[in-house]
Amino acid sequence: MKDLNIGWRLLPVLAVAYFLAACESGPKIVTNSAPGFSLAGYQTFGFLKPLGTDRGNVQTLTSATLIDAATFELQRAGLRQVDANPDLLVNFVISTRETLQTRSTPNTGASMHYGRGGYGTWGGYSMSMSTNEVVQRTEGTLGIDIIDAARLQLVWEGAATARITESMQQNRDQLIRNAVADILAKFP
């Protein structure tokens, strides 16, 4: 009987944990690979110069964080980073877009009226059902391209897309590291 009471006391804690896990939404990850692509035959990687996230020939702070995160994940996949003649080249693309979303908020109100018209009596009611609200959001996408360096052909690509919040912008480096890990977790 004692064990049963402990189970009932844990039920609210488990329900809250389940609810928080369900509310937490990570980025949407999509990947695509060339037909027949596998890592067999590839041992090394390097980075495209300049990267899509650089400004001209100047490496940005974002590029430096992306390089560090991708290097860690690709080395975990069994590849080795080299500066000269890599088997694979890695490139990054970042884009943002503003989206507008319309939300309807239920709002009920009713009025009744009656009166006398020229041909008899009439009556009726009117009711308002909702209020519309427009919300502006920023959506960000990080793309990672993997290129066969010998053929200069894209062999794999992955992207993460998520809504960007103020707290995410304040933790930019960690956000980048997490997104790179999520994308490259699907790398062959």
N, C-alpha and C. Protein backbone atom coordinates (compact mmCIF):
# COMPACT_ATOMS: atom_id res chain seq x y z
N MET A 1 0.83 -1.19 0.00
CA MET A 1 0.00 0.00 0.00
C MET A 1 0.87 1.26 0.00
N LYS A 2 2.00 1.18 0.68
CA LYS A 2 2.90 2.31 0.76
C LYS A 2 3.42 2.69 -0.63
N ASP A 3 3.79 1.71 -1.48
CA ASP A 3 4.30 1.99 -2.82
C ASP A 3 3.25 2.65 -3.70
N LEU A 4 2.01 2.31 -3.54
CA LEU A 4 0.92 2.90 -4.31
C LEU A 4 0.80 4.39 -4.03
N ASN A 5 0.96 4.79 -2.77
CA ASN A 5 0.88 6.21 -2.40
C ASN A 5 2.01 7.01 -3.03
N ILE A 6 3.20 6.44 -3.12
CA ILE A 6 4.32 7.13 -3.75
C ILE A 6 4.03 7.36 -5.23
N GLY A 7 3.45 6.35 -5.89
CA GLY A 7 3.11 6.48 -7.30
C GLY A 7 2.11 7.60 -7.55
N TRP A 8 1.11 7.72 -6.70
CA TRP A 8 0.12 8.78 -6.88
C TRP A 8 0.72 10.15 -6.64
N ARG A 9 1.69 10.25 -5.72
CA ARG A 9 2.32 11.55 -5.47
C ARG A 9 3.22 11.95 -6.63
N LEU A 10 3.80 10.98 -7.35
CA LEU A 10 4.67 11.29 -8.48
C LEU A 10 3.88 11.63 -9.75
N LEU A 11 2.62 11.25 -9.80
CA LEU A 11 1.81 11.48 -10.99
C LEU A 11 1.78 12.94 -11.42
N PRO A 12 1.54 13.91 -10.51
CA PRO A 12 1.55 15.31 -10.96
C PRO A 12 2.91 15.76 -11.49
N VAL A 13 3.99 15.29 -10.90
CA VAL A 13 5.34 15.65 -11.35
C VAL A 13 5.56 15.09 -12.76
N LEU A 14 5.18 13.84 -12.99
CA LEU A 14 5.32 13.24 -14.31
C LEU A 14 4.46 13.95 -15.35
N ALA A 15 3.26 14.35 -14.95
CA ALA A 15 2.37 15.06 -15.88
C ALA A 15 2.98 16.39 -16.30
N VAL A 16 3.55 17.13 -15.35
CA VAL A 16 4.18 18.42 -15.67
C VAL A 16 5.39 18.19 -16.57
N ALA A 17 6.21 17.18 -16.27
CA ALA A 17 7.38 16.89 -17.10
C ALA A 17 6.97 16.53 -18.52
N TYR A 18 5.92 15.73 -18.65
CA TYR A 18 5.42 15.36 -19.98
C TYR A 18 4.92 16.58 -20.73
N PHE A 19 4.19 17.45 -20.04
CA PHE A 19 3.65 18.66 -20.67
C PHE A 19 4.78 19.57 -21.14
N LEU A 20 5.80 19.76 -20.32
CA LEU A 20 6.93 20.63 -20.71
C LEU A 20 7.68 20.04 -21.89
N ALA A 21 7.85 18.72 -21.90
CA ALA A 21 8.54 18.09 -23.03
C ALA A 21 7.73 18.23 -24.30
N ALA A 22 6.42 18.15 -24.19
CA ALA A 22 5.57 18.28 -25.38
C ALA A 22 5.57 19.71 -25.90
N CYS A 23 5.68 20.71 -25.01
CA CYS A 23 5.67 22.11 -25.42
C CYS A 23 7.00 22.54 -26.03
N GLU A 24 8.08 21.91 -25.61
CA GLU A 24 9.38 22.29 -26.11
C GLU A 24 9.51 21.84 -27.55
N SER A 25 9.71 22.78 -28.41
CA SER A 25 9.83 22.40 -29.82
C SER A 25 11.20 22.81 -30.32
N GLY A 26 11.88 21.86 -30.90
CA GLY A 26 13.18 22.13 -31.47
C GLY A 26 13.02 22.55 -32.92
N PRO A 27 14.14 22.74 -33.58
CA PRO A 27 14.06 23.13 -34.99
C PRO A 27 13.56 21.99 -35.86
N LYS A 28 12.98 22.35 -36.98
CA LYS A 28 12.58 21.35 -37.97
C LYS A 28 13.81 21.05 -38.81
N ILE A 29 14.19 19.77 -38.89
CA ILE A 29 15.39 19.35 -39.61
C ILE A 29 14.97 18.65 -40.90
N VAL A 30 15.58 19.06 -42.00
CA VAL A 30 15.39 18.36 -43.28
C VAL A 30 16.77 18.09 -43.87
N THR A 31 16.89 16.94 -44.54
CA THR A 31 18.15 16.58 -45.18
C THR A 31 17.88 16.02 -46.57
N ASN A 32 18.91 16.03 -47.38
CA ASN A 32 18.82 15.51 -48.73
C ASN A 32 20.22 15.04 -49.12
N SER A 33 20.29 13.91 -49.81
CA SER A 33 21.60 13.44 -50.25
C SER A 33 21.54 13.01 -51.71
N ALA A 34 22.70 13.06 -52.34
CA ALA A 34 22.80 12.62 -53.73
C ALA A 34 22.50 11.12 -53.79
N PRO A 35 21.91 10.65 -54.88
CA PRO A 35 21.62 9.22 -55.00
C PRO A 35 22.89 8.38 -54.82
N GLY A 36 22.81 7.39 -53.93
CA GLY A 36 23.93 6.49 -53.70
C GLY A 36 25.04 7.05 -52.82
N PHE A 37 24.87 8.23 -52.25
CA PHE A 37 25.93 8.82 -51.43
C PHE A 37 26.11 8.02 -50.13
N SER A 38 27.38 7.73 -49.83
CA SER A 38 27.75 7.16 -48.53
C SER A 38 29.12 7.72 -48.18
N LEU A 39 29.50 7.57 -46.93
CA LEU A 39 30.79 8.09 -46.50
C LEU A 39 31.96 7.20 -46.92
N ALA A 40 31.67 6.01 -47.42
CA ALA A 40 32.74 5.12 -47.86
C ALA A 40 33.60 5.84 -48.91
N GLY A 41 34.88 5.83 -48.70
CA GLY A 41 35.79 6.49 -49.63
C GLY A 41 36.13 7.92 -49.23
N TYR A 42 35.42 8.49 -48.28
CA TYR A 42 35.71 9.84 -47.80
C TYR A 42 36.34 9.74 -46.42
N GLN A 43 37.47 10.40 -46.23
CA GLN A 43 38.15 10.34 -44.94
C GLN A 43 38.41 11.71 -44.34
N THR A 44 38.45 12.74 -45.19
CA THR A 44 38.83 14.07 -44.71
C THR A 44 37.81 15.13 -45.12
N PHE A 45 37.85 16.24 -44.41
CA PHE A 45 36.99 17.37 -44.74
C PHE A 45 37.74 18.68 -44.50
N GLY A 46 37.26 19.70 -45.16
CA GLY A 46 37.75 21.05 -44.97
C GLY A 46 36.57 22.00 -45.18
N PHE A 47 36.84 23.29 -45.17
CA PHE A 47 35.77 24.28 -45.30
C PHE A 47 35.96 25.11 -46.56
N LEU A 48 34.86 25.37 -47.24
CA LEU A 48 34.86 26.19 -48.44
C LEU A 48 35.39 27.58 -48.09
N LYS A 49 36.13 28.18 -49.00
CA LYS A 49 36.67 29.53 -48.76
C LYS A 49 36.27 30.43 -49.89
N PRO A 50 35.61 31.53 -49.65
CA PRO A 50 35.00 31.92 -48.39
C PRO A 50 33.69 31.15 -48.16
N LEU A 51 33.31 31.06 -46.90
CA LEU A 51 32.05 30.42 -46.54
C LEU A 51 30.87 31.33 -46.89
N GLY A 52 29.72 30.74 -47.03
CA GLY A 52 28.52 31.52 -47.30
C GLY A 52 28.15 32.46 -46.16
N THR A 53 28.69 32.22 -44.97
CA THR A 53 28.42 33.07 -43.81
C THR A 53 29.50 34.10 -43.57
N ASP A 54 30.53 34.12 -44.43
CA ASP A 54 31.58 35.14 -44.32
C ASP A 54 31.13 36.42 -45.01
N ARG A 55 31.84 37.50 -44.73
CA ARG A 55 31.60 38.78 -45.42
C ARG A 55 32.80 39.03 -46.32
N GLY A 56 32.60 38.69 -47.59
CA GLY A 56 33.72 38.81 -48.52
C GLY A 56 34.78 37.79 -48.13
N ASN A 57 35.99 38.25 -47.91
CA ASN A 57 37.08 37.36 -47.49
C ASN A 57 37.34 37.43 -45.99
N VAL A 58 36.41 38.00 -45.24
CA VAL A 58 36.57 38.13 -43.79
C VAL A 58 35.68 37.11 -43.10
N GLN A 59 36.30 36.29 -42.23
CA GLN A 59 35.53 35.29 -41.50
C GLN A 59 34.76 35.98 -40.37
N THR A 60 33.45 35.74 -40.32
CA THR A 60 32.62 36.34 -39.28
C THR A 60 32.71 35.51 -38.00
N LEU A 61 32.23 36.10 -36.90
CA LEU A 61 32.18 35.37 -35.63
C LEU A 61 31.23 34.18 -35.75
N THR A 62 30.15 34.36 -36.50
CA THR A 62 29.21 33.27 -36.73
C THR A 62 29.89 32.13 -37.47
N SER A 63 30.68 32.44 -38.49
CA SER A 63 31.41 31.41 -39.23
C SER A 63 32.35 30.64 -38.31
N ALA A 64 33.05 31.35 -37.43
CA ALA A 64 33.99 30.69 -36.51
C ALA A 64 33.25 29.71 -35.60
N THR A 65 32.09 30.09 -35.10
CA THR A 65 31.31 29.19 -34.25
C THR A 65 30.80 28.00 -35.05
N LEU A 66 30.34 28.24 -36.27
CA LEU A 66 29.88 27.15 -37.14
C LEU A 66 31.00 26.16 -37.43
N ILE A 67 32.19 26.67 -37.73
CA ILE A 67 33.34 25.81 -38.02
C ILE A 67 33.67 24.94 -36.81
N ASP A 68 33.73 25.54 -35.64
CA ASP A 68 34.03 24.77 -34.42
C ASP A 68 32.99 23.67 -34.19
N ALA A 69 31.72 24.02 -34.31
CA ALA A 69 30.65 23.04 -34.06
C ALA A 69 30.67 21.93 -35.10
N ALA A 70 30.84 22.28 -36.38
CA ALA A 70 30.85 21.27 -37.44
C ALA A 70 32.08 20.38 -37.34
N THR A 71 33.23 20.95 -37.00
CA THR A 71 34.45 20.17 -36.83
C THR A 71 34.24 19.10 -35.76
N PHE A 72 33.67 19.50 -34.64
CA PHE A 72 33.41 18.54 -33.56
C PHE A 72 32.51 17.41 -34.03
N GLU A 73 31.41 17.75 -34.70
CA GLU A 73 30.43 16.73 -35.13
C GLU A 73 30.98 15.84 -36.24
N LEU A 74 31.72 16.40 -37.19
CA LEU A 74 32.26 15.59 -38.29
C LEU A 74 33.39 14.68 -37.81
N GLN A 75 34.17 15.14 -36.85
CA GLN A 75 35.19 14.27 -36.27
C GLN A 75 34.54 13.12 -35.50
N ARG A 76 33.43 13.38 -34.86
CA ARG A 76 32.68 12.31 -34.19
C ARG A 76 32.17 11.30 -35.20
N ALA A 77 31.91 11.75 -36.43
CA ALA A 77 31.43 10.85 -37.50
C ALA A 77 32.58 10.06 -38.13
N GLY A 78 33.82 10.31 -37.67
CA GLY A 78 34.96 9.54 -38.17
C GLY A 78 35.79 10.22 -39.25
N LEU A 79 35.47 11.48 -39.56
CA LEU A 79 36.24 12.21 -40.56
C LEU A 79 37.35 13.01 -39.88
N ARG A 80 38.39 13.35 -40.65
CA ARG A 80 39.52 14.11 -40.13
C ARG A 80 39.61 15.44 -40.88
N GLN A 81 39.82 16.52 -40.14
CA GLN A 81 39.93 17.83 -40.78
C GLN A 81 41.35 18.03 -41.31
N VAL A 82 41.42 18.51 -42.58
CA VAL A 82 42.71 18.85 -43.20
C VAL A 82 42.56 20.19 -43.90
N ASP A 83 43.70 20.88 -44.08
CA ASP A 83 43.67 22.16 -44.78
C ASP A 83 43.86 22.01 -46.28
N ALA A 84 44.66 21.01 -46.68
CA ALA A 84 44.97 20.83 -48.11
C ALA A 84 44.31 19.57 -48.65
N ASN A 85 43.68 19.71 -49.80
CA ASN A 85 43.07 18.60 -50.53
C ASN A 85 42.11 17.73 -49.71
N PRO A 86 41.09 18.31 -49.10
CA PRO A 86 40.13 17.48 -48.37
C PRO A 86 39.24 16.70 -49.34
N ASP A 87 38.71 15.58 -48.87
CA ASP A 87 37.75 14.81 -49.68
C ASP A 87 36.41 15.54 -49.78
N LEU A 88 36.01 16.16 -48.70
CA LEU A 88 34.73 16.87 -48.64
C LEU A 88 34.95 18.32 -48.23
N LEU A 89 34.15 19.21 -48.79
CA LEU A 89 34.14 20.62 -48.40
C LEU A 89 32.81 20.90 -47.71
N VAL A 90 32.85 21.74 -46.69
CA VAL A 90 31.66 22.10 -45.94
C VAL A 90 31.39 23.59 -46.14
N ASN A 91 30.12 23.93 -46.34
CA ASN A 91 29.70 25.32 -46.48
C ASN A 91 28.47 25.54 -45.62
N PHE A 92 28.26 26.79 -45.22
CA PHE A 92 27.10 27.15 -44.39
C PHE A 92 26.32 28.26 -45.07
N VAL A 93 25.01 28.23 -44.86
CA VAL A 93 24.13 29.29 -45.34
C VAL A 93 23.17 29.61 -44.20
N ILE A 94 23.01 30.88 -43.91
CA ILE A 94 22.05 31.29 -42.88
C ILE A 94 21.10 32.31 -43.52
N SER A 95 19.82 32.14 -43.24
CA SER A 95 18.85 33.12 -43.72
C SER A 95 17.78 33.32 -42.65
N THR A 96 17.20 34.49 -42.66
CA THR A 96 16.06 34.78 -41.78
C THR A 96 14.95 35.39 -42.62
N ARG A 97 13.75 35.23 -42.13
CA ARG A 97 12.62 35.87 -42.79
C ARG A 97 11.59 36.23 -41.74
N GLU A 98 10.93 37.32 -42.00
CA GLU A 98 9.86 37.77 -41.13
C GLU A 98 8.55 37.16 -41.63
N THR A 99 7.78 36.61 -40.72
CA THR A 99 6.49 36.05 -41.10
C THR A 99 5.40 36.77 -40.33
N LEU A 100 4.26 36.87 -40.95
CA LEU A 100 3.08 37.43 -40.28
C LEU A 100 2.09 36.30 -40.08
N GLN A 101 1.57 36.22 -38.87
CA GLN A 101 0.60 35.18 -38.56
C GLN A 101 -0.64 35.86 -37.99
N THR A 102 -1.78 35.44 -38.49
CA THR A 102 -3.04 35.98 -38.00
C THR A 102 -3.64 34.99 -37.01
N ARG A 103 -4.01 35.50 -35.86
CA ARG A 103 -4.66 34.67 -34.85
C ARG A 103 -6.04 35.22 -34.58
N SER A 104 -7.00 34.33 -34.46
CA SER A 104 -8.35 34.71 -34.09
C SER A 104 -8.56 34.38 -32.63
N THR A 105 -9.00 35.37 -31.87
CA THR A 105 -9.27 35.18 -30.46
C THR A 105 -10.79 35.18 -30.26
N PRO A 106 -11.33 34.10 -29.69
CA PRO A 106 -12.79 34.08 -29.48
C PRO A 106 -13.23 35.24 -28.61
N ASN A 107 -14.28 35.89 -29.03
CA ASN A 107 -14.81 37.03 -28.30
C ASN A 107 -16.31 37.03 -28.57
N THR A 108 -17.09 36.73 -27.59
CA THR A 108 -18.53 36.64 -27.82
C THR A 108 -19.23 37.86 -27.27
N GLY A 109 -20.22 38.26 -27.96
CA GLY A 109 -21.09 39.35 -27.53
C GLY A 109 -22.40 39.20 -28.28
N ALA A 110 -23.47 39.56 -27.68
CA ALA A 110 -24.76 39.39 -28.35
C ALA A 110 -25.66 40.58 -28.03
N SER A 111 -26.52 40.86 -28.96
CA SER A 111 -27.55 41.89 -28.71
C SER A 111 -28.84 41.42 -29.37
N MET A 112 -29.93 41.77 -28.77
CA MET A 112 -31.23 41.41 -29.33
C MET A 112 -31.99 42.70 -29.59
N HIS A 113 -32.78 42.70 -30.64
CA HIS A 113 -33.57 43.88 -30.97
C HIS A 113 -34.90 43.45 -31.58
N TYR A 114 -35.82 44.30 -31.47
CA TYR A 114 -37.11 44.04 -32.10
C TYR A 114 -37.72 45.38 -32.49
N GLY A 115 -38.65 45.34 -33.34
CA GLY A 115 -39.28 46.59 -33.76
C GLY A 115 -40.43 46.30 -34.70
N ARG A 116 -41.01 47.33 -35.23
CA ARG A 116 -42.16 47.18 -36.10
C ARG A 116 -41.78 47.78 -37.45
N GLY A 117 -41.88 46.97 -38.46
CA GLY A 117 -41.58 47.43 -39.79
C GLY A 117 -42.87 47.78 -40.52
N GLY A 118 -42.74 48.18 -41.76
CA GLY A 118 -43.91 48.57 -42.55
C GLY A 118 -44.88 47.43 -42.80
N TYR A 119 -44.43 46.20 -42.83
CA TYR A 119 -45.29 45.06 -43.16
C TYR A 119 -45.56 44.16 -41.96
N GLY A 120 -45.13 44.53 -40.81
CA GLY A 120 -45.37 43.68 -39.65
C GLY A 120 -44.21 43.82 -38.67
N THR A 121 -44.12 42.89 -37.76
CA THR A 121 -43.05 42.94 -36.76
C THR A 121 -41.84 42.17 -37.24
N TRP A 122 -40.72 42.53 -36.74
CA TRP A 122 -39.49 41.80 -37.02
C TRP A 122 -38.64 41.79 -35.76
N GLY A 123 -37.82 40.84 -35.67
CA GLY A 123 -36.94 40.72 -34.52
C GLY A 123 -35.67 40.00 -34.95
N GLY A 124 -34.69 39.99 -34.13
CA GLY A 124 -33.46 39.31 -34.48
C GLY A 124 -32.38 39.53 -33.44
N TYR A 125 -31.23 39.06 -33.72
CA TYR A 125 -30.10 39.24 -32.84
C TYR A 125 -28.83 39.32 -33.68
N SER A 126 -27.79 39.84 -33.11
CA SER A 126 -26.49 39.85 -33.77
C SER A 126 -25.44 39.39 -32.77
N MET A 127 -24.38 38.83 -33.28
CA MET A 127 -23.37 38.29 -32.40
C MET A 127 -22.00 38.45 -33.06
N SER A 128 -21.00 38.88 -32.29
CA SER A 128 -19.62 38.90 -32.80
C SER A 128 -18.92 37.66 -32.27
N MET A 129 -18.09 37.05 -33.11
CA MET A 129 -17.53 35.76 -32.76
C MET A 129 -16.03 35.80 -32.40
N SER A 130 -15.24 36.68 -33.02
CA SER A 130 -13.81 36.63 -32.75
C SER A 130 -13.15 37.96 -33.07
N THR A 131 -11.95 38.10 -32.55
CA THR A 131 -11.10 39.25 -32.83
C THR A 131 -9.84 38.73 -33.50
N ASN A 132 -9.40 39.39 -34.56
CA ASN A 132 -8.19 38.98 -35.26
C ASN A 132 -7.00 39.79 -34.77
N GLU A 133 -5.86 39.11 -34.65
CA GLU A 133 -4.63 39.74 -34.22
C GLU A 133 -3.52 39.29 -35.16
N VAL A 134 -2.66 40.21 -35.58
CA VAL A 134 -1.55 39.89 -36.46
C VAL A 134 -0.27 39.90 -35.62
N VAL A 135 0.51 38.80 -35.71
CA VAL A 135 1.75 38.66 -34.95
C VAL A 135 2.91 38.51 -35.93
N GLN A 136 3.96 39.29 -35.72
CA GLN A 136 5.15 39.20 -36.57
C GLN A 136 6.18 38.34 -35.86
N ARG A 137 6.76 37.38 -36.59
CA ARG A 137 7.76 36.48 -36.03
C ARG A 137 8.96 36.40 -36.97
N THR A 138 10.11 36.09 -36.39
CA THR A 138 11.32 35.88 -37.18
C THR A 138 11.60 34.39 -37.22
N GLU A 139 11.78 33.87 -38.42
CA GLU A 139 12.11 32.46 -38.62
C GLU A 139 13.51 32.40 -39.21
N GLY A 140 14.36 31.56 -38.63
CA GLY A 140 15.73 31.44 -39.12
C GLY A 140 16.01 30.05 -39.66
N THR A 141 16.87 29.97 -40.67
CA THR A 141 17.28 28.69 -41.25
C THR A 141 18.79 28.64 -41.34
N LEU A 142 19.35 27.53 -40.87
CA LEU A 142 20.77 27.25 -41.02
C LEU A 142 20.90 26.07 -41.96
N GLY A 143 21.64 26.25 -43.03
CA GLY A 143 21.88 25.16 -43.98
C GLY A 143 23.34 24.76 -43.95
N ILE A 144 23.58 23.44 -44.05
CA ILE A 144 24.94 22.91 -44.14
C ILE A 144 25.04 22.12 -45.44
N ASP A 145 25.97 22.49 -46.28
CA ASP A 145 26.21 21.80 -47.55
C ASP A 145 27.50 21.00 -47.45
N ILE A 146 27.45 19.75 -47.90
CA ILE A 146 28.65 18.90 -47.96
C ILE A 146 28.92 18.64 -49.44
N ILE A 147 30.13 18.99 -49.89
CA ILE A 147 30.49 18.97 -51.31
C ILE A 147 31.63 17.99 -51.54
N ASP A 148 31.50 17.17 -52.56
CA ASP A 148 32.61 16.31 -53.00
C ASP A 148 33.65 17.25 -53.62
N ALA A 149 34.81 17.38 -52.99
CA ALA A 149 35.81 18.36 -53.42
C ALA A 149 36.41 18.02 -54.77
N ALA A 150 36.59 16.77 -55.09
CA ALA A 150 37.20 16.38 -56.37
C ALA A 150 36.28 16.70 -57.54
N ARG A 151 34.98 16.48 -57.36
CA ARG A 151 34.01 16.71 -58.44
C ARG A 151 33.30 18.06 -58.33
N LEU A 152 33.52 18.77 -57.22
CA LEU A 152 32.80 20.01 -56.93
C LEU A 152 31.29 19.82 -57.11
N GLN A 153 30.79 18.77 -56.46
CA GLN A 153 29.38 18.42 -56.55
C GLN A 153 28.80 18.27 -55.14
N LEU A 154 27.63 18.87 -54.94
CA LEU A 154 26.93 18.74 -53.67
C LEU A 154 26.50 17.28 -53.50
N VAL A 155 26.88 16.67 -52.36
CA VAL A 155 26.50 15.27 -52.12
C VAL A 155 25.54 15.12 -50.95
N TRP A 156 25.47 16.13 -50.08
CA TRP A 156 24.56 16.06 -48.93
C TRP A 156 24.26 17.48 -48.47
N GLU A 157 23.02 17.67 -48.02
CA GLU A 157 22.66 18.97 -47.45
C GLU A 157 21.67 18.75 -46.34
N GLY A 158 21.77 19.59 -45.34
CA GLY A 158 20.84 19.53 -44.21
C GLY A 158 20.52 20.94 -43.77
N ALA A 159 19.32 21.11 -43.22
CA ALA A 159 18.91 22.44 -42.77
C ALA A 159 18.05 22.32 -41.51
N ALA A 160 18.18 23.33 -40.66
CA ALA A 160 17.36 23.45 -39.46
C ALA A 160 16.62 24.78 -39.56
N THR A 161 15.31 24.73 -39.33
CA THR A 161 14.50 25.94 -39.36
C THR A 161 13.73 26.04 -38.05
N ALA A 162 13.75 27.23 -37.46
CA ALA A 162 13.05 27.44 -36.19
C ALA A 162 12.68 28.90 -36.04
N ARG A 163 11.72 29.14 -35.18
CA ARG A 163 11.35 30.51 -34.81
C ARG A 163 12.43 31.05 -33.89
N ILE A 164 12.89 32.26 -34.18
CA ILE A 164 13.95 32.89 -33.39
C ILE A 164 13.32 33.80 -32.35
N THR A 165 13.64 33.54 -31.09
CA THR A 165 13.12 34.36 -30.00
C THR A 165 14.23 35.24 -29.44
N GLU A 166 13.87 36.17 -28.60
CA GLU A 166 14.84 37.07 -27.97
C GLU A 166 15.86 36.30 -27.14
N SER A 167 15.40 35.30 -26.38
CA SER A 167 16.33 34.53 -25.55
C SER A 167 17.30 33.72 -26.41
N MET A 168 16.84 33.26 -27.58
CA MET A 168 17.74 32.53 -28.48
C MET A 168 18.84 33.45 -28.98
N GLN A 169 18.50 34.68 -29.28
CA GLN A 169 19.48 35.63 -29.80
C GLN A 169 20.55 35.94 -28.76
N GLN A 170 20.17 35.88 -27.49
CA GLN A 170 21.14 36.16 -26.42
C GLN A 170 22.05 34.97 -26.17
N ASN A 171 21.66 33.77 -26.60
CA ASN A 171 22.46 32.56 -26.47
C ASN A 171 22.86 32.05 -27.86
N ARG A 172 23.31 32.96 -28.71
CA ARG A 172 23.57 32.68 -30.11
C ARG A 172 24.54 31.52 -30.33
N ASP A 173 25.68 31.51 -29.63
CA ASP A 173 26.67 30.46 -29.85
C ASP A 173 26.10 29.08 -29.51
N GLN A 174 25.39 28.97 -28.40
CA GLN A 174 24.81 27.69 -28.03
C GLN A 174 23.72 27.28 -29.00
N LEU A 175 22.94 28.24 -29.46
CA LEU A 175 21.91 27.96 -30.47
C LEU A 175 22.55 27.39 -31.74
N ILE A 176 23.65 27.99 -32.18
CA ILE A 176 24.35 27.52 -33.38
C ILE A 176 24.88 26.11 -33.17
N ARG A 177 25.53 25.88 -32.03
CA ARG A 177 26.09 24.55 -31.74
C ARG A 177 24.99 23.48 -31.72
N ASN A 178 23.87 23.79 -31.10
CA ASN A 178 22.76 22.84 -31.04
C ASN A 178 22.19 22.55 -32.43
N ALA A 179 22.04 23.60 -33.23
CA ALA A 179 21.49 23.42 -34.58
C ALA A 179 22.42 22.58 -35.45
N VAL A 180 23.73 22.84 -35.37
CA VAL A 180 24.71 22.06 -36.14
C VAL A 180 24.65 20.60 -35.69
N ALA A 181 24.60 20.36 -34.39
CA ALA A 181 24.52 18.99 -33.88
C ALA A 181 23.25 18.29 -34.36
N ASP A 182 22.12 19.00 -34.33
CA ASP A 182 20.85 18.42 -34.79
C ASP A 182 20.91 18.06 -36.28
N ILE A 183 21.49 18.94 -37.07
CA ILE A 183 21.56 18.69 -38.52
C ILE A 183 22.50 17.52 -38.80
N LEU A 184 23.72 17.59 -38.25
CA LEU A 184 24.73 16.58 -38.56
C LEU A 184 24.45 15.24 -37.88
N ALA A 185 23.51 15.19 -36.96
CA ALA A 185 23.08 13.90 -36.39
C ALA A 185 22.45 13.04 -37.47
N LYS A 186 21.97 13.67 -38.54
CA LYS A 186 21.35 12.94 -39.66
C LYS A 186 22.32 12.69 -40.81
N PHE A 187 23.58 13.12 -40.64
CA PHE A 187 24.61 12.90 -41.67
C PHE A 187 24.97 11.43 -41.69
N PRO A 188 25.12 10.84 -42.88
CA PRO A 188 25.35 9.37 -42.96
C PRO A 188 26.53 8.85 -42.15
